[in-house]
Amino acid sequence: MMALLLERVKDTETNFFLHFIFRQRVQERVGSEGDALALAIRVLAFVSVSIRNETDLRMLLDLQQEDDGWETGINTPARRHCID
Protein backbone atom coordinates (compact mmCIF):
# COMPACT_ATOMS: atom_id res chain seq x y z
CA MET A 1 0.00 0.00 0.00
CA MET A 2 2.79 2.40 0.84
CA ALA A 3 4.43 1.76 -2.53
CA LEU A 4 1.20 2.86 -4.24
CA LEU A 5 1.07 6.00 -2.13
CA LEU A 6 4.68 6.82 -2.94
CA GLU A 7 3.93 6.46 -6.66
CA ARG A 8 0.91 8.74 -6.52
CA VAL A 9 2.16 11.63 -4.40
CA LYS A 10 3.01 14.35 -6.88
CA ASP A 11 4.35 16.95 -4.46
CA THR A 12 8.14 16.54 -4.54
CA GLU A 13 8.75 17.62 -0.95
CA THR A 14 6.03 15.34 0.45
CA ASN A 15 7.20 12.44 -1.71
CA PHE A 16 10.81 12.88 -0.53
CA PHE A 17 9.67 13.00 3.11
CA LEU A 18 7.49 9.87 2.76
CA HIS A 19 10.30 7.97 1.01
CA PHE A 20 12.74 8.97 3.74
CA ILE A 21 10.44 7.86 6.59
CA PHE A 22 9.39 4.65 4.83
CA ARG A 23 13.01 3.68 4.11
CA GLN A 24 13.91 4.19 7.77
CA ARG A 25 10.98 2.12 9.04
CA VAL A 26 11.56 -0.84 6.70
CA GLN A 27 15.29 -0.86 7.48
CA GLU A 28 14.42 -1.21 11.19
CA ARG A 29 12.65 -4.50 10.40
CA VAL A 30 15.54 -6.25 8.61
CA GLY A 31 16.15 -9.67 10.14
CA SER A 32 13.11 -9.62 12.41
CA GLU A 33 11.03 -12.77 12.74
CA GLY A 34 8.25 -13.58 10.35
CA ASP A 35 6.65 -16.32 8.33
CA ALA A 36 7.17 -16.62 4.58
CA LEU A 37 4.43 -14.09 3.79
CA ALA A 38 5.84 -11.47 6.17
CA LEU A 39 9.33 -11.93 4.77
CA ALA A 40 8.12 -11.74 1.16
CA ILE A 41 6.18 -8.55 1.84
CA ARG A 42 9.22 -7.04 3.53
CA VAL A 43 11.47 -7.94 0.58
CA LEU A 44 8.94 -6.35 -1.80
CA ALA A 45 8.74 -3.24 0.38
CA PHE A 46 12.50 -2.86 0.04
CA VAL A 47 12.32 -3.31 -3.72
CA SER A 48 9.71 -0.54 -3.90
CA VAL A 49 12.25 1.94 -2.50
CA SER A 50 15.25 0.50 -4.43
CA ILE A 51 17.01 -1.16 -1.49
CA ARG A 52 18.38 -4.72 -1.55
CA ASN A 53 17.39 -6.76 1.51
CA GLU A 54 19.67 -9.79 1.35
CA THR A 55 19.04 -10.78 4.99
CA ASP A 56 15.27 -11.26 4.68
CA LEU A 57 15.64 -12.74 1.20
CA ARG A 58 17.99 -15.40 2.60
CA MET A 59 15.57 -16.08 5.47
CA LEU A 60 12.71 -16.45 2.97
CA LEU A 61 14.68 -18.81 0.75
CA ASP A 62 15.61 -20.91 3.82
CA LEU A 63 11.89 -21.43 4.47
CA GLN A 64 11.28 -22.64 0.93
CA GLN A 65 10.34 -26.31 0.77
CA GLU A 66 11.53 -28.97 -1.67
CA ASP A 67 8.51 -28.41 -3.93
CA ASP A 68 9.49 -24.70 -4.20
CA GLY A 69 6.50 -23.66 -2.07
CA TRP A 70 6.19 -22.39 1.50
CA GLU A 71 4.18 -23.49 4.50
CA THR A 72 0.92 -21.66 5.13
CA GLY A 73 2.23 -20.04 8.29
CA ILE A 74 -0.64 -21.19 10.49
CA ASN A 75 1.67 -23.23 12.71
CA THR A 76 4.37 -20.61 13.09
CA PRO A 77 4.84 -19.06 16.56
CA ALA A 78 3.69 -15.66 15.30
CA ARG A 79 0.35 -17.10 14.13
CA ARG A 80 -0.42 -19.59 16.92
CA HIS A 81 -1.91 -16.98 19.21
CA CYS A 82 -4.45 -16.06 16.50
CA ILE A 83 -5.98 -19.54 16.41
CA ASP A 84 -5.85 -20.49 20.10
C-alpha atoms as a PDB file:
ATOM      1  CA  MET A   1       0.000   0.000   0.000  1.00  0.00           C
ATOM      2  CA  MET A   2       2.794   2.395   0.843  1.00  0.00           C
ATOM      3  CA  ALA A   3       4.426   1.761  -2.529  1.00  0.00           C
ATOM      4  CA  LEU A   4       1.204   2.858  -4.236  1.00  0.00           C
ATOM      5  CA  LEU A   5       1.070   5.997  -2.127  1.00  0.00           C
ATOM      6  CA  LEU A   6       4.683   6.816  -2.938  1.00  0.00           C
ATOM      7  CA  GLU A   7       3.934   6.459  -6.659  1.00  0.00           C
ATOM      8  CA  ARG A   8       0.911   8.739  -6.521  1.00  0.00           C
ATOM      9  CA  VAL A   9       2.155  11.627  -4.397  1.00  0.00           C
ATOM     10  CA  LYS A  10       3.012  14.347  -6.880  1.00  0.00           C
ATOM     11  CA  ASP A  11       4.352  16.955  -4.457  1.00  0.00           C
ATOM     12  CA  THR A  12       8.139  16.542  -4.542  1.00  0.00           C
ATOM     13  CA  GLU A  13       8.749  17.619  -0.951  1.00  0.00           C
ATOM     14  CA  THR A  14       6.031  15.339   0.448  1.00  0.00           C
ATOM     15  CA  ASN A  15       7.203  12.440  -1.708  1.00  0.00           C
ATOM     16  CA  PHE A  16      10.805  12.878  -0.533  1.00  0.00           C
ATOM     17  CA  PHE A  17       9.670  13.000   3.106  1.00  0.00           C
ATOM     18  CA  LEU A  18       7.492   9.869   2.763  1.00  0.00           C
ATOM     19  CA  HIS A  19      10.304   7.968   1.005  1.00  0.00           C
ATOM     20  CA  PHE A  20      12.739   8.967   3.745  1.00  0.00           C
ATOM     21  CA  ILE A  21      10.438   7.859   6.587  1.00  0.00           C
ATOM     22  CA  PHE A  22       9.391   4.646   4.830  1.00  0.00           C
ATOM     23  CA  ARG A  23      13.014   3.680   4.109  1.00  0.00           C
ATOM     24  CA  GLN A  24      13.913   4.192   7.770  1.00  0.00           C
ATOM     25  CA  ARG A  25      10.977   2.119   9.039  1.00  0.00           C
ATOM     26  CA  VAL A  26      11.564  -0.836   6.703  1.00  0.00           C
ATOM     27  CA  GLN A  27      15.285  -0.857   7.481  1.00  0.00           C
ATOM     28  CA  GLU A  28      14.424  -1.212  11.191  1.00  0.00           C
ATOM     29  CA  ARG A  29      12.650  -4.503  10.399  1.00  0.00           C
ATOM     30  CA  VAL A  30      15.543  -6.250   8.610  1.00  0.00           C
ATOM     31  CA  GLY A  31      16.151  -9.668  10.138  1.00  0.00           C
ATOM     32  CA  SER A  32      13.108  -9.618  12.407  1.00  0.00           C
ATOM     33  CA  GLU A  33      11.029 -12.769  12.736  1.00  0.00           C
ATOM     34  CA  GLY A  34       8.247 -13.579  10.345  1.00  0.00           C
ATOM     35  CA  ASP A  35       6.654 -16.322   8.327  1.00  0.00           C
ATOM     36  CA  ALA A  36       7.170 -16.622   4.577  1.00  0.00           C
ATOM     37  CA  LEU A  37       4.431 -14.094   3.794  1.00  0.00           C
ATOM     38  CA  ALA A  38       5.839 -11.470   6.169  1.00  0.00           C
ATOM     39  CA  LEU A  39       9.327 -11.928   4.770  1.00  0.00           C
ATOM     40  CA  ALA A  40       8.116 -11.744   1.161  1.00  0.00           C
ATOM     41  CA  ILE A  41       6.179  -8.548   1.840  1.00  0.00           C
ATOM     42  CA  ARG A  42       9.219  -7.040   3.533  1.00  0.00           C
ATOM     43  CA  VAL A  43      11.470  -7.943   0.583  1.00  0.00           C
ATOM     44  CA  LEU A  44       8.942  -6.347  -1.804  1.00  0.00           C
ATOM     45  CA  ALA A  45       8.738  -3.235   0.380  1.00  0.00           C
ATOM     46  CA  PHE A  46      12.497  -2.857   0.040  1.00  0.00           C
ATOM     47  CA  VAL A  47      12.319  -3.313  -3.716  1.00  0.00           C
ATOM     48  CA  SER A  48       9.712  -0.537  -3.902  1.00  0.00           C
ATOM     49  CA  VAL A  49      12.251   1.943  -2.503  1.00  0.00           C
ATOM     50  CA  SER A  50      15.245   0.501  -4.432  1.00  0.00           C
ATOM     51  CA  ILE A  51      17.014  -1.162  -1.490  1.00  0.00           C
ATOM     52  CA  ARG A  52      18.383  -4.722  -1.546  1.00  0.00           C
ATOM     53  CA  ASN A  53      17.386  -6.761   1.514  1.00  0.00           C
ATOM     54  CA  GLU A  54      19.670  -9.792   1.352  1.00  0.00           C
ATOM     55  CA  THR A  55      19.037 -10.785   4.991  1.00  0.00           C
ATOM     56  CA  ASP A  56      15.275 -11.256   4.679  1.00  0.00           C
ATOM     57  CA  LEU A  57      15.637 -12.742   1.200  1.00  0.00           C
ATOM     58  CA  ARG A  58      17.991 -15.402   2.596  1.00  0.00           C
ATOM     59  CA  MET A  59      15.565 -16.085   5.469  1.00  0.00           C
ATOM     60  CA  LEU A  60      12.710 -16.450   2.966  1.00  0.00           C
ATOM     61  CA  LEU A  61      14.679 -18.812   0.754  1.00  0.00           C
ATOM     62  CA  ASP A  62      15.614 -20.907   3.815  1.00  0.00           C
ATOM     63  CA  LEU A  63      11.887 -21.426   4.468  1.00  0.00           C
ATOM     64  CA  GLN A  64      11.278 -22.639   0.932  1.00  0.00           C
ATOM     65  CA  GLN A  65      10.340 -26.309   0.768  1.00  0.00           C
ATOM     66  CA  GLU A  66      11.530 -28.966  -1.674  1.00  0.00           C
ATOM     67  CA  ASP A  67       8.505 -28.407  -3.928  1.00  0.00           C
ATOM     68  CA  ASP A  68       9.489 -24.701  -4.198  1.00  0.00           C
ATOM     69  CA  GLY A  69       6.503 -23.658  -2.066  1.00  0.00           C
ATOM     70  CA  TRP A  70       6.186 -22.387   1.496  1.00  0.00           C
ATOM     71  CA  GLU A  71       4.178 -23.490   4.504  1.00  0.00           C
ATOM     72  CA  THR A  72       0.923 -21.656   5.128  1.00  0.00           C
ATOM     73  CA  GLY A  73       2.230 -20.044   8.288  1.00  0.00           C
ATOM     74  CA  ILE A  74      -0.639 -21.189  10.486  1.00  0.00           C
ATOM     75  CA  ASN A  75       1.671 -23.235  12.709  1.00  0.00           C
ATOM     76  CA  THR A  76       4.373 -20.609  13.087  1.00  0.00           C
ATOM     77  CA  PRO A  77       4.835 -19.060  16.557  1.00  0.00           C
ATOM     78  CA  ALA A  78       3.692 -15.656  15.303  1.00  0.00           C
ATOM     79  CA  ARG A  79       0.347 -17.101  14.126  1.00  0.00           C
ATOM     80  CA  ARG A  80      -0.419 -19.593  16.923  1.00  0.00           C
ATOM     81  CA  HIS A  81      -1.907 -16.975  19.213  1.00  0.00           C
ATOM     82  CA  CYS A  82      -4.449 -16.060  16.504  1.00  0.00           C
ATOM     83  CA  ILE A  83      -5.976 -19.536  16.407  1.00  0.00           C
ATOM     84  CA  ASP A  84      -5.849 -20.490  20.102  1.00  0.00           C
END
